[in-house]
Amino acid sequence: MRGKLDAAVSVPVRRALAWCDEWNRRYPWDHNAHHHGWIERHLPAHVHTALDVGCGTGDLVRRLSRRAGHVTGLDIDPAGIEVARRLSRGRADVDFRCQDLLTADLPGGYDVITALTVLHHVPFEPALARLRDLLAPGGTLLVLGVYREETPSDHLLSAAAVPANLVVGTVKTLQRGSARRPVAMTAPTTPTTTTLREIREVARRQTPGAVLRRHLFWRYSLRCTAPPDAVR
């Protein structure tokens, strides 16, 4: 009897999820670009150098360059870096490197480091430690990432995000006047296996004092400032 009940419940659920997937395909929107405003709101007043990790096609790099003297974009995807360089041709205030975060030859001393939905692609704790070490004294680290749902509140917020996601996708697609996927959404993706609890534990060890928040569209944010007398 229980098996039949589970099967009966799962059929409408599967149909609803399939309908949502089809709607999202018809009305795509860039969740990362949606959070660019959050990053801008938390930038320090003066930014000389910035690093964007997992820069993809460079949308955030170009946006950061409005506030920073120079911005470096880092990504391991050659196709994304090629597009980023093409879209930024002739600009001396940005550069792009096709390298891995953990092994890249970077000068460090960045006033701002951003990382959007990228740290789940690499070992999280070594990556967060590397970003911390690349900051200038007093520098700001801004991370937006994805997490695996674990608690009832995680699942509740994810469920609430589903209808909101459909509405925002529809509105943004109509505003663009096109159902084509934004070029920034062509980057490779992979699901995360790290829970918010695990992220908090790593943040306590590697970035003490960091502010960690959960966001609506399956995202969390981590914001921290390096000590002004940090030794690198």
Protein backbone atom coordinates (compact mmCIF):
# COMPACT_ATOMS: atom_id res chain seq x y z
CA MET A 1 0.00 0.00 0.00
CA ARG A 2 2.80 2.47 0.91
CA GLY A 3 4.57 1.74 -2.37
CA LYS A 4 1.43 2.53 -4.37
CA LEU A 5 0.93 5.75 -2.40
CA ASP A 6 4.53 6.85 -3.01
CA ALA A 7 4.18 6.08 -6.70
CA ALA A 8 0.91 8.04 -6.92
CA VAL A 9 2.52 11.05 -5.23
CA SER A 10 5.67 10.91 -7.31
CA VAL A 11 3.84 11.01 -10.66
CA PRO A 12 2.38 14.52 -10.23
CA VAL A 13 5.62 15.70 -8.64
CA ARG A 14 7.62 14.45 -11.61
CA ARG A 15 5.18 16.07 -14.00
CA ALA A 16 5.39 19.37 -12.15
CA LEU A 17 9.20 19.30 -12.18
CA ALA A 18 9.22 18.47 -15.89
CA TRP A 19 6.87 21.39 -16.54
CA CYS A 20 9.14 23.73 -14.54
CA ASP A 21 12.20 22.52 -16.45
CA GLU A 22 10.47 23.20 -19.75
CA TRP A 23 9.37 26.67 -18.60
CA ASN A 24 12.90 27.49 -17.48
CA ARG A 25 14.22 26.35 -20.84
CA ARG A 26 11.83 28.70 -22.62
CA TYR A 27 12.50 31.59 -20.24
CA PRO A 28 16.16 31.36 -19.19
CA TRP A 29 17.85 33.92 -16.97
CA ASP A 30 21.32 34.33 -15.52
CA HIS A 31 21.20 33.73 -11.77
CA ASN A 32 24.79 34.90 -11.35
CA ALA A 33 24.15 38.23 -13.08
CA HIS A 34 21.15 38.67 -10.80
CA HIS A 35 23.58 38.85 -7.85
CA HIS A 36 25.99 41.36 -9.40
CA GLY A 37 24.11 44.11 -7.58
CA TRP A 38 24.79 42.43 -4.23
CA ILE A 39 28.49 42.43 -5.01
CA GLU A 40 28.49 46.09 -5.99
CA ARG A 41 26.72 47.04 -2.78
CA HIS A 42 29.51 45.45 -0.73
CA LEU A 43 32.50 46.83 -2.61
CA PRO A 44 34.80 49.12 -0.62
CA ALA A 45 34.95 52.78 -1.53
CA HIS A 46 38.37 52.51 -3.18
CA VAL A 47 39.42 49.54 -5.31
CA HIS A 48 42.80 49.54 -7.02
CA THR A 49 43.00 45.90 -8.07
CA ALA A 50 40.33 43.18 -8.19
CA LEU A 51 40.24 39.50 -9.05
CA ASP A 52 37.15 37.66 -10.28
CA VAL A 53 37.48 33.88 -9.96
CA GLY A 54 35.39 31.77 -12.31
CA CYS A 55 34.90 34.82 -14.53
CA GLY A 56 33.32 32.93 -17.44
CA THR A 57 32.67 35.35 -20.29
CA GLY A 58 33.73 38.34 -18.18
CA ASP A 59 30.43 40.08 -17.42
CA LEU A 60 31.34 40.76 -13.79
CA VAL A 61 34.93 41.69 -14.67
CA ARG A 62 33.70 44.43 -16.97
CA ARG A 63 31.20 45.58 -14.37
CA LEU A 64 33.85 45.68 -11.63
CA SER A 65 36.12 47.74 -13.88
CA ARG A 66 33.74 50.67 -13.41
CA ARG A 67 34.90 50.84 -9.80
CA ALA A 68 38.41 49.35 -9.93
CA GLY A 69 41.65 50.49 -11.51
CA HIS A 70 42.33 47.02 -12.90
CA VAL A 71 40.44 43.72 -12.83
CA THR A 72 41.79 40.24 -13.56
CA GLY A 73 39.40 37.48 -14.62
CA LEU A 74 40.40 33.89 -13.89
CA ASP A 75 38.71 30.81 -15.33
CA ILE A 76 39.72 27.28 -16.29
CA ASP A 77 37.38 27.13 -19.31
CA PRO A 78 39.26 28.13 -22.51
CA ALA A 79 36.06 28.78 -24.45
CA GLY A 80 34.77 31.20 -21.82
CA ILE A 81 38.10 33.03 -21.62
CA GLU A 82 38.18 33.37 -25.40
CA VAL A 83 34.74 34.99 -25.39
CA ALA A 84 35.70 37.22 -22.44
CA ARG A 85 38.77 38.49 -24.27
CA ARG A 86 36.78 39.12 -27.44
CA LEU A 87 34.08 41.05 -25.60
CA SER A 88 36.72 43.09 -23.74
CA ARG A 89 39.00 43.78 -26.71
CA GLY A 90 40.82 47.10 -26.52
CA ARG A 91 40.34 47.54 -22.77
CA ALA A 92 43.52 48.09 -20.79
CA ASP A 93 41.77 47.96 -17.41
CA VAL A 94 41.01 44.20 -17.57
CA ASP A 95 42.89 41.01 -18.34
CA PHE A 96 41.90 37.35 -18.44
CA ARG A 97 43.84 34.24 -17.48
CA CYS A 98 42.94 30.65 -18.30
CA GLN A 99 44.32 29.01 -15.16
CA ASP A 100 43.23 26.96 -12.17
CA LEU A 101 42.70 28.88 -8.93
CA LEU A 102 44.78 26.51 -6.82
CA THR A 103 47.82 26.58 -9.10
CA ALA A 104 47.56 29.95 -10.87
CA ASP A 105 50.56 32.28 -10.65
CA LEU A 106 48.87 35.35 -9.19
CA PRO A 107 50.56 38.35 -7.57
CA GLY A 108 48.11 38.64 -4.67
CA GLY A 109 47.45 41.85 -2.79
CA TYR A 110 43.99 42.30 -4.31
CA ASP A 111 41.70 44.90 -2.79
CA VAL A 112 38.67 42.85 -3.84
CA ILE A 113 38.22 39.20 -4.79
CA THR A 114 34.92 37.89 -6.10
CA ALA A 115 33.85 34.29 -6.76
CA LEU A 116 30.42 33.54 -8.20
CA THR A 117 29.15 29.96 -8.21
CA VAL A 118 32.62 28.53 -8.74
CA LEU A 119 33.99 27.17 -5.45
CA HIS A 120 31.95 23.97 -5.69
CA HIS A 121 34.03 23.11 -8.77
CA VAL A 122 37.23 22.89 -6.70
CA PRO A 123 38.18 21.55 -3.24
CA PHE A 124 36.35 24.09 -1.11
CA GLU A 125 38.63 24.53 1.88
CA PRO A 126 41.92 24.89 -0.06
CA ALA A 127 40.17 27.26 -2.46
CA LEU A 128 38.80 29.48 0.31
CA ALA A 129 42.21 29.54 1.98
CA ARG A 130 43.84 30.55 -1.31
CA LEU A 131 41.38 33.40 -1.83
CA ARG A 132 42.01 34.61 1.73
CA ASP A 133 45.76 34.59 1.15
CA LEU A 134 45.44 36.55 -2.11
CA LEU A 135 43.74 39.49 -0.38
CA ALA A 136 45.58 42.69 0.41
CA PRO A 137 45.54 43.79 4.07
CA GLY A 138 42.05 45.14 4.61
CA GLY A 139 40.89 43.58 1.33
CA THR A 140 37.35 42.30 0.76
CA LEU A 141 36.35 38.77 -0.26
CA LEU A 142 32.87 38.34 -1.75
CA VAL A 143 31.68 34.79 -2.49
CA LEU A 144 28.34 33.69 -3.89
CA GLY A 145 27.95 29.96 -4.12
CA VAL A 146 25.54 27.05 -4.23
CA TYR A 147 24.95 24.51 -1.48
CA ARG A 148 23.30 21.11 -1.12
CA GLU A 149 20.01 21.20 0.80
CA GLU A 150 20.21 19.38 4.11
CA THR A 151 17.84 20.90 6.68
CA PRO A 152 14.06 21.46 6.56
CA SER A 153 14.66 25.21 6.24
CA ASP A 154 16.96 24.57 3.25
CA HIS A 155 14.25 22.59 1.50
CA LEU A 156 11.55 25.11 2.42
CA LEU A 157 13.52 28.00 0.93
CA SER A 158 14.27 25.97 -2.19
CA ALA A 159 10.57 25.21 -2.62
CA ALA A 160 9.73 28.90 -2.23
CA ALA A 161 12.31 29.75 -4.89
CA VAL A 162 10.62 27.61 -7.56
CA PRO A 163 7.63 29.88 -8.32
CA ALA A 164 9.78 32.99 -7.85
CA ASN A 165 12.26 31.56 -10.35
CA LEU A 166 9.49 31.07 -12.94
CA VAL A 167 8.27 34.64 -12.52
CA VAL A 168 11.73 36.25 -12.67
CA GLY A 169 12.72 34.15 -15.68
CA THR A 170 9.58 35.18 -17.53
CA VAL A 171 10.01 38.87 -16.77
CA LYS A 172 13.72 38.96 -17.67
CA THR A 173 13.16 37.04 -20.92
CA LEU A 174 10.38 39.41 -21.98
CA GLN A 175 12.59 42.38 -21.11
CA ARG A 176 15.38 40.99 -23.30
CA GLY A 177 12.93 40.29 -26.07
CA SER A 178 14.60 36.94 -26.74
CA ALA A 179 14.45 33.40 -25.37
CA ARG A 180 18.08 32.77 -26.27
CA ARG A 181 20.23 31.80 -23.33
CA PRO A 182 22.55 34.64 -22.25
CA VAL A 183 26.11 33.92 -23.39
CA ALA A 184 27.26 33.78 -19.77
CA MET A 185 25.02 30.74 -19.24
CA THR A 186 26.99 28.59 -21.69
CA ALA A 187 29.73 27.78 -19.15
CA PRO A 188 30.03 24.18 -17.88
CA THR A 189 28.13 23.45 -14.67
CA THR A 190 28.24 20.74 -12.03
CA PRO A 191 26.05 20.04 -8.98
CA THR A 192 27.38 20.79 -5.51
CA THR A 193 27.85 18.23 -2.75
CA THR A 194 28.66 20.66 0.07
CA THR A 195 26.02 21.60 2.63
CA LEU A 196 25.62 25.00 4.23
CA ARG A 197 26.67 23.50 7.56
CA GLU A 198 29.94 22.28 6.02
CA ILE A 199 30.51 25.66 4.38
CA ARG A 200 30.07 27.38 7.75
CA GLU A 201 32.56 25.04 9.40
CA VAL A 202 35.19 25.73 6.74
CA ALA A 203 34.54 29.47 6.91
CA ARG A 204 35.10 29.46 10.69
CA ARG A 205 38.49 27.84 10.18
CA GLN A 206 39.71 29.77 7.15
CA THR A 207 37.93 33.13 7.27
CA PRO A 208 37.05 33.86 10.93
CA GLY A 209 34.50 36.61 11.24
CA ALA A 210 33.07 36.08 7.77
CA VAL A 211 29.38 36.93 7.32
CA LEU A 212 27.48 33.99 5.83
CA ARG A 213 23.92 34.35 4.53
CA ARG A 214 21.48 32.11 2.68
CA HIS A 215 19.75 33.61 -0.38
CA LEU A 216 16.54 32.79 -2.18
CA PHE A 217 17.69 31.38 -5.50
CA TRP A 218 19.70 28.41 -4.23
CA ARG A 219 22.65 30.58 -3.26
CA TYR A 220 24.63 31.55 -0.18
CA SER A 221 26.92 34.52 0.28
CA LEU A 222 30.15 34.78 2.23
CA ARG A 223 31.69 38.17 2.92
CA CYS A 224 34.87 38.84 4.85
CA THR A 225 37.53 41.50 5.24
CA ALA A 226 41.20 40.71 5.74
CA PRO A 227 42.83 42.19 8.85
CA PRO A 228 44.45 45.56 8.05
CA ASP A 229 47.78 44.31 9.38
CA ALA A 230 47.59 40.92 7.63
CA VAL A 231 50.96 39.48 6.70
CA ARG A 232 51.18 37.86 3.27
